[in-house]
Amino acid sequence: MGIIRSCFSFIAGTVCGVYIAQNYNVPNIKKVANEALFSAKQVEEKYRKPRKPGDDAV
């Protein structure tokens, strides 16, 4: 009885997550994160200060 009691919240969360993913339009988190990182990289490159000739930056 101990293992069922200790894992109940994990099992219930998994079952609820599967139900929600199958029945609702849930966005793909990995795709959203990749798009956000791409946008942030573009903004950084656009507003970055120009490098000085003496800088040994990588």
N, C-alpha and C. Protein backbone atom coordinates (compact mmCIF):
# COMPACT_ATOMS: atom_id res chain seq x y z
N MET A 1 0.82 -1.20 0.00
CA MET A 1 0.00 0.00 0.00
C MET A 1 0.86 1.26 0.00
N GLY A 2 2.09 1.15 0.46
CA GLY A 2 2.95 2.31 0.58
C GLY A 2 3.37 2.89 -0.75
N ILE A 3 3.67 2.03 -1.73
CA ILE A 3 4.13 2.53 -3.02
C ILE A 3 2.98 3.20 -3.78
N ILE A 4 1.79 2.70 -3.65
CA ILE A 4 0.63 3.32 -4.31
C ILE A 4 0.34 4.67 -3.69
N ARG A 5 0.43 4.75 -2.39
CA ARG A 5 0.15 6.00 -1.69
C ARG A 5 1.20 7.05 -2.02
N SER A 6 2.47 6.66 -2.12
CA SER A 6 3.52 7.63 -2.38
C SER A 6 3.56 8.07 -3.84
N CYS A 7 3.10 7.25 -4.75
CA CYS A 7 3.13 7.57 -6.18
C CYS A 7 1.79 8.07 -6.72
N PHE A 8 0.80 8.23 -5.84
CA PHE A 8 -0.54 8.60 -6.31
C PHE A 8 -0.54 9.93 -7.05
N SER A 9 0.13 10.95 -6.54
CA SER A 9 0.11 12.27 -7.18
C SER A 9 0.82 12.21 -8.53
N PHE A 10 1.89 11.44 -8.64
CA PHE A 10 2.59 11.30 -9.93
C PHE A 10 1.70 10.59 -10.95
N ILE A 11 1.05 9.52 -10.55
CA ILE A 11 0.18 8.77 -11.47
C ILE A 11 -1.02 9.61 -11.87
N ALA A 12 -1.63 10.31 -10.92
CA ALA A 12 -2.78 11.15 -11.22
C ALA A 12 -2.38 12.30 -12.16
N GLY A 13 -1.23 12.89 -11.95
CA GLY A 13 -0.76 13.96 -12.82
C GLY A 13 -0.48 13.47 -14.23
N THR A 14 0.09 12.28 -14.35
CA THR A 14 0.36 11.70 -15.66
C THR A 14 -0.93 11.42 -16.40
N VAL A 15 -1.90 10.84 -15.73
CA VAL A 15 -3.19 10.55 -16.36
C VAL A 15 -3.88 11.84 -16.78
N CYS A 16 -3.89 12.84 -15.94
CA CYS A 16 -4.51 14.13 -16.30
C CYS A 16 -3.76 14.79 -17.46
N GLY A 17 -2.44 14.72 -17.47
CA GLY A 17 -1.65 15.29 -18.55
C GLY A 17 -1.93 14.62 -19.88
N VAL A 18 -2.04 13.31 -19.88
CA VAL A 18 -2.35 12.58 -21.11
C VAL A 18 -3.73 12.96 -21.61
N TYR A 19 -4.70 13.04 -20.71
CA TYR A 19 -6.07 13.41 -21.10
C TYR A 19 -6.11 14.80 -21.71
N ILE A 20 -5.45 15.76 -21.08
CA ILE A 20 -5.45 17.14 -21.58
C ILE A 20 -4.74 17.22 -22.92
N ALA A 21 -3.61 16.52 -23.08
CA ALA A 21 -2.86 16.57 -24.34
C ALA A 21 -3.65 15.97 -25.49
N GLN A 22 -4.47 14.97 -25.22
CA GLN A 22 -5.24 14.33 -26.28
C GLN A 22 -6.51 15.09 -26.64
N ASN A 23 -7.09 15.81 -25.70
CA ASN A 23 -8.39 16.42 -25.93
C ASN A 23 -8.38 17.93 -26.12
N TYR A 24 -7.26 18.59 -25.89
CA TYR A 24 -7.19 20.03 -26.02
C TYR A 24 -6.00 20.41 -26.90
N ASN A 25 -6.04 21.61 -27.45
CA ASN A 25 -4.98 22.10 -28.32
C ASN A 25 -3.87 22.71 -27.46
N VAL A 26 -2.93 21.87 -27.05
CA VAL A 26 -1.84 22.29 -26.19
C VAL A 26 -0.63 22.61 -27.08
N PRO A 27 0.00 23.80 -26.92
CA PRO A 27 1.14 24.14 -27.78
C PRO A 27 2.36 23.27 -27.47
N ASN A 28 3.19 23.09 -28.49
CA ASN A 28 4.43 22.35 -28.33
C ASN A 28 5.45 23.26 -27.65
N ILE A 29 5.79 22.96 -26.41
CA ILE A 29 6.66 23.82 -25.61
C ILE A 29 8.05 23.93 -26.22
N LYS A 30 8.56 22.85 -26.76
CA LYS A 30 9.90 22.87 -27.36
C LYS A 30 9.94 23.83 -28.55
N LYS A 31 8.90 23.82 -29.36
CA LYS A 31 8.85 24.71 -30.53
C LYS A 31 8.75 26.17 -30.09
N VAL A 32 7.94 26.46 -29.09
CA VAL A 32 7.78 27.81 -28.58
C VAL A 32 9.10 28.32 -28.00
N ALA A 33 9.80 27.47 -27.26
CA ALA A 33 11.08 27.87 -26.66
C ALA A 33 12.12 28.15 -27.74
N ASN A 34 12.16 27.30 -28.77
CA ASN A 34 13.13 27.51 -29.86
C ASN A 34 12.84 28.82 -30.60
N GLU A 35 11.57 29.14 -30.84
CA GLU A 35 11.21 30.39 -31.50
C GLU A 35 11.61 31.59 -30.65
N ALA A 36 11.42 31.50 -29.33
CA ALA A 36 11.78 32.59 -28.44
C ALA A 36 13.30 32.80 -28.43
N LEU A 37 14.06 31.72 -28.39
CA LEU A 37 15.53 31.85 -28.42
C LEU A 37 16.00 32.43 -29.75
N PHE A 38 15.38 32.04 -30.84
CA PHE A 38 15.74 32.57 -32.15
C PHE A 38 15.47 34.07 -32.22
N SER A 39 14.31 34.49 -31.71
CA SER A 39 13.96 35.91 -31.69
C SER A 39 14.93 36.70 -30.80
N ALA A 40 15.27 36.15 -29.66
CA ALA A 40 16.21 36.83 -28.76
C ALA A 40 17.59 36.97 -29.41
N LYS A 41 18.01 35.95 -30.13
CA LYS A 41 19.31 36.00 -30.81
C LYS A 41 19.30 37.07 -31.89
N GLN A 42 18.19 37.20 -32.62
CA GLN A 42 18.09 38.23 -33.65
C GLN A 42 18.15 39.63 -33.04
N VAL A 43 17.44 39.83 -31.94
CA VAL A 43 17.45 41.14 -31.27
C VAL A 43 18.84 41.46 -30.76
N GLU A 44 19.52 40.46 -30.19
CA GLU A 44 20.87 40.69 -29.68
C GLU A 44 21.82 41.08 -30.82
N GLU A 45 21.75 40.39 -31.93
CA GLU A 45 22.64 40.70 -33.05
C GLU A 45 22.33 42.08 -33.64
N LYS A 46 21.07 42.47 -33.61
CA LYS A 46 20.68 43.76 -34.18
C LYS A 46 21.20 44.92 -33.33
N TYR A 47 21.14 44.79 -32.00
CA TYR A 47 21.49 45.88 -31.11
C TYR A 47 22.86 45.74 -30.46
N ARG A 48 23.66 44.79 -30.89
CA ARG A 48 25.00 44.60 -30.32
C ARG A 48 25.92 45.74 -30.71
N LYS A 49 26.78 46.14 -29.79
CA LYS A 49 27.75 47.19 -30.09
C LYS A 49 28.76 46.65 -31.09
N PRO A 50 29.24 47.50 -31.99
CA PRO A 50 30.26 47.03 -32.93
C PRO A 50 31.56 46.71 -32.20
N ARG A 51 32.29 45.75 -32.72
CA ARG A 51 33.56 45.34 -32.09
C ARG A 51 34.66 46.34 -32.44
N LYS A 52 35.54 46.53 -31.48
CA LYS A 52 36.70 47.41 -31.71
C LYS A 52 37.78 46.61 -32.40
N PRO A 53 38.63 47.26 -33.19
CA PRO A 53 39.68 46.53 -33.92
C PRO A 53 40.66 45.80 -33.00
N GLY A 54 40.90 46.28 -31.78
CA GLY A 54 41.87 45.68 -30.88
C GLY A 54 41.30 44.57 -30.01
N ASP A 55 39.99 44.31 -30.07
CA ASP A 55 39.38 43.30 -29.22
C ASP A 55 39.73 41.90 -29.70
N ASP A 56 40.05 41.02 -28.76
CA ASP A 56 40.31 39.61 -29.08
C ASP A 56 39.15 38.78 -28.56
N ALA A 57 37.95 39.11 -28.97
CA ALA A 57 36.78 38.39 -28.53
C ALA A 57 36.58 37.13 -29.37
N VAL A 58 35.98 36.14 -28.74
CA VAL A 58 35.74 34.87 -29.42
C VAL A 58 34.47 34.94 -30.21
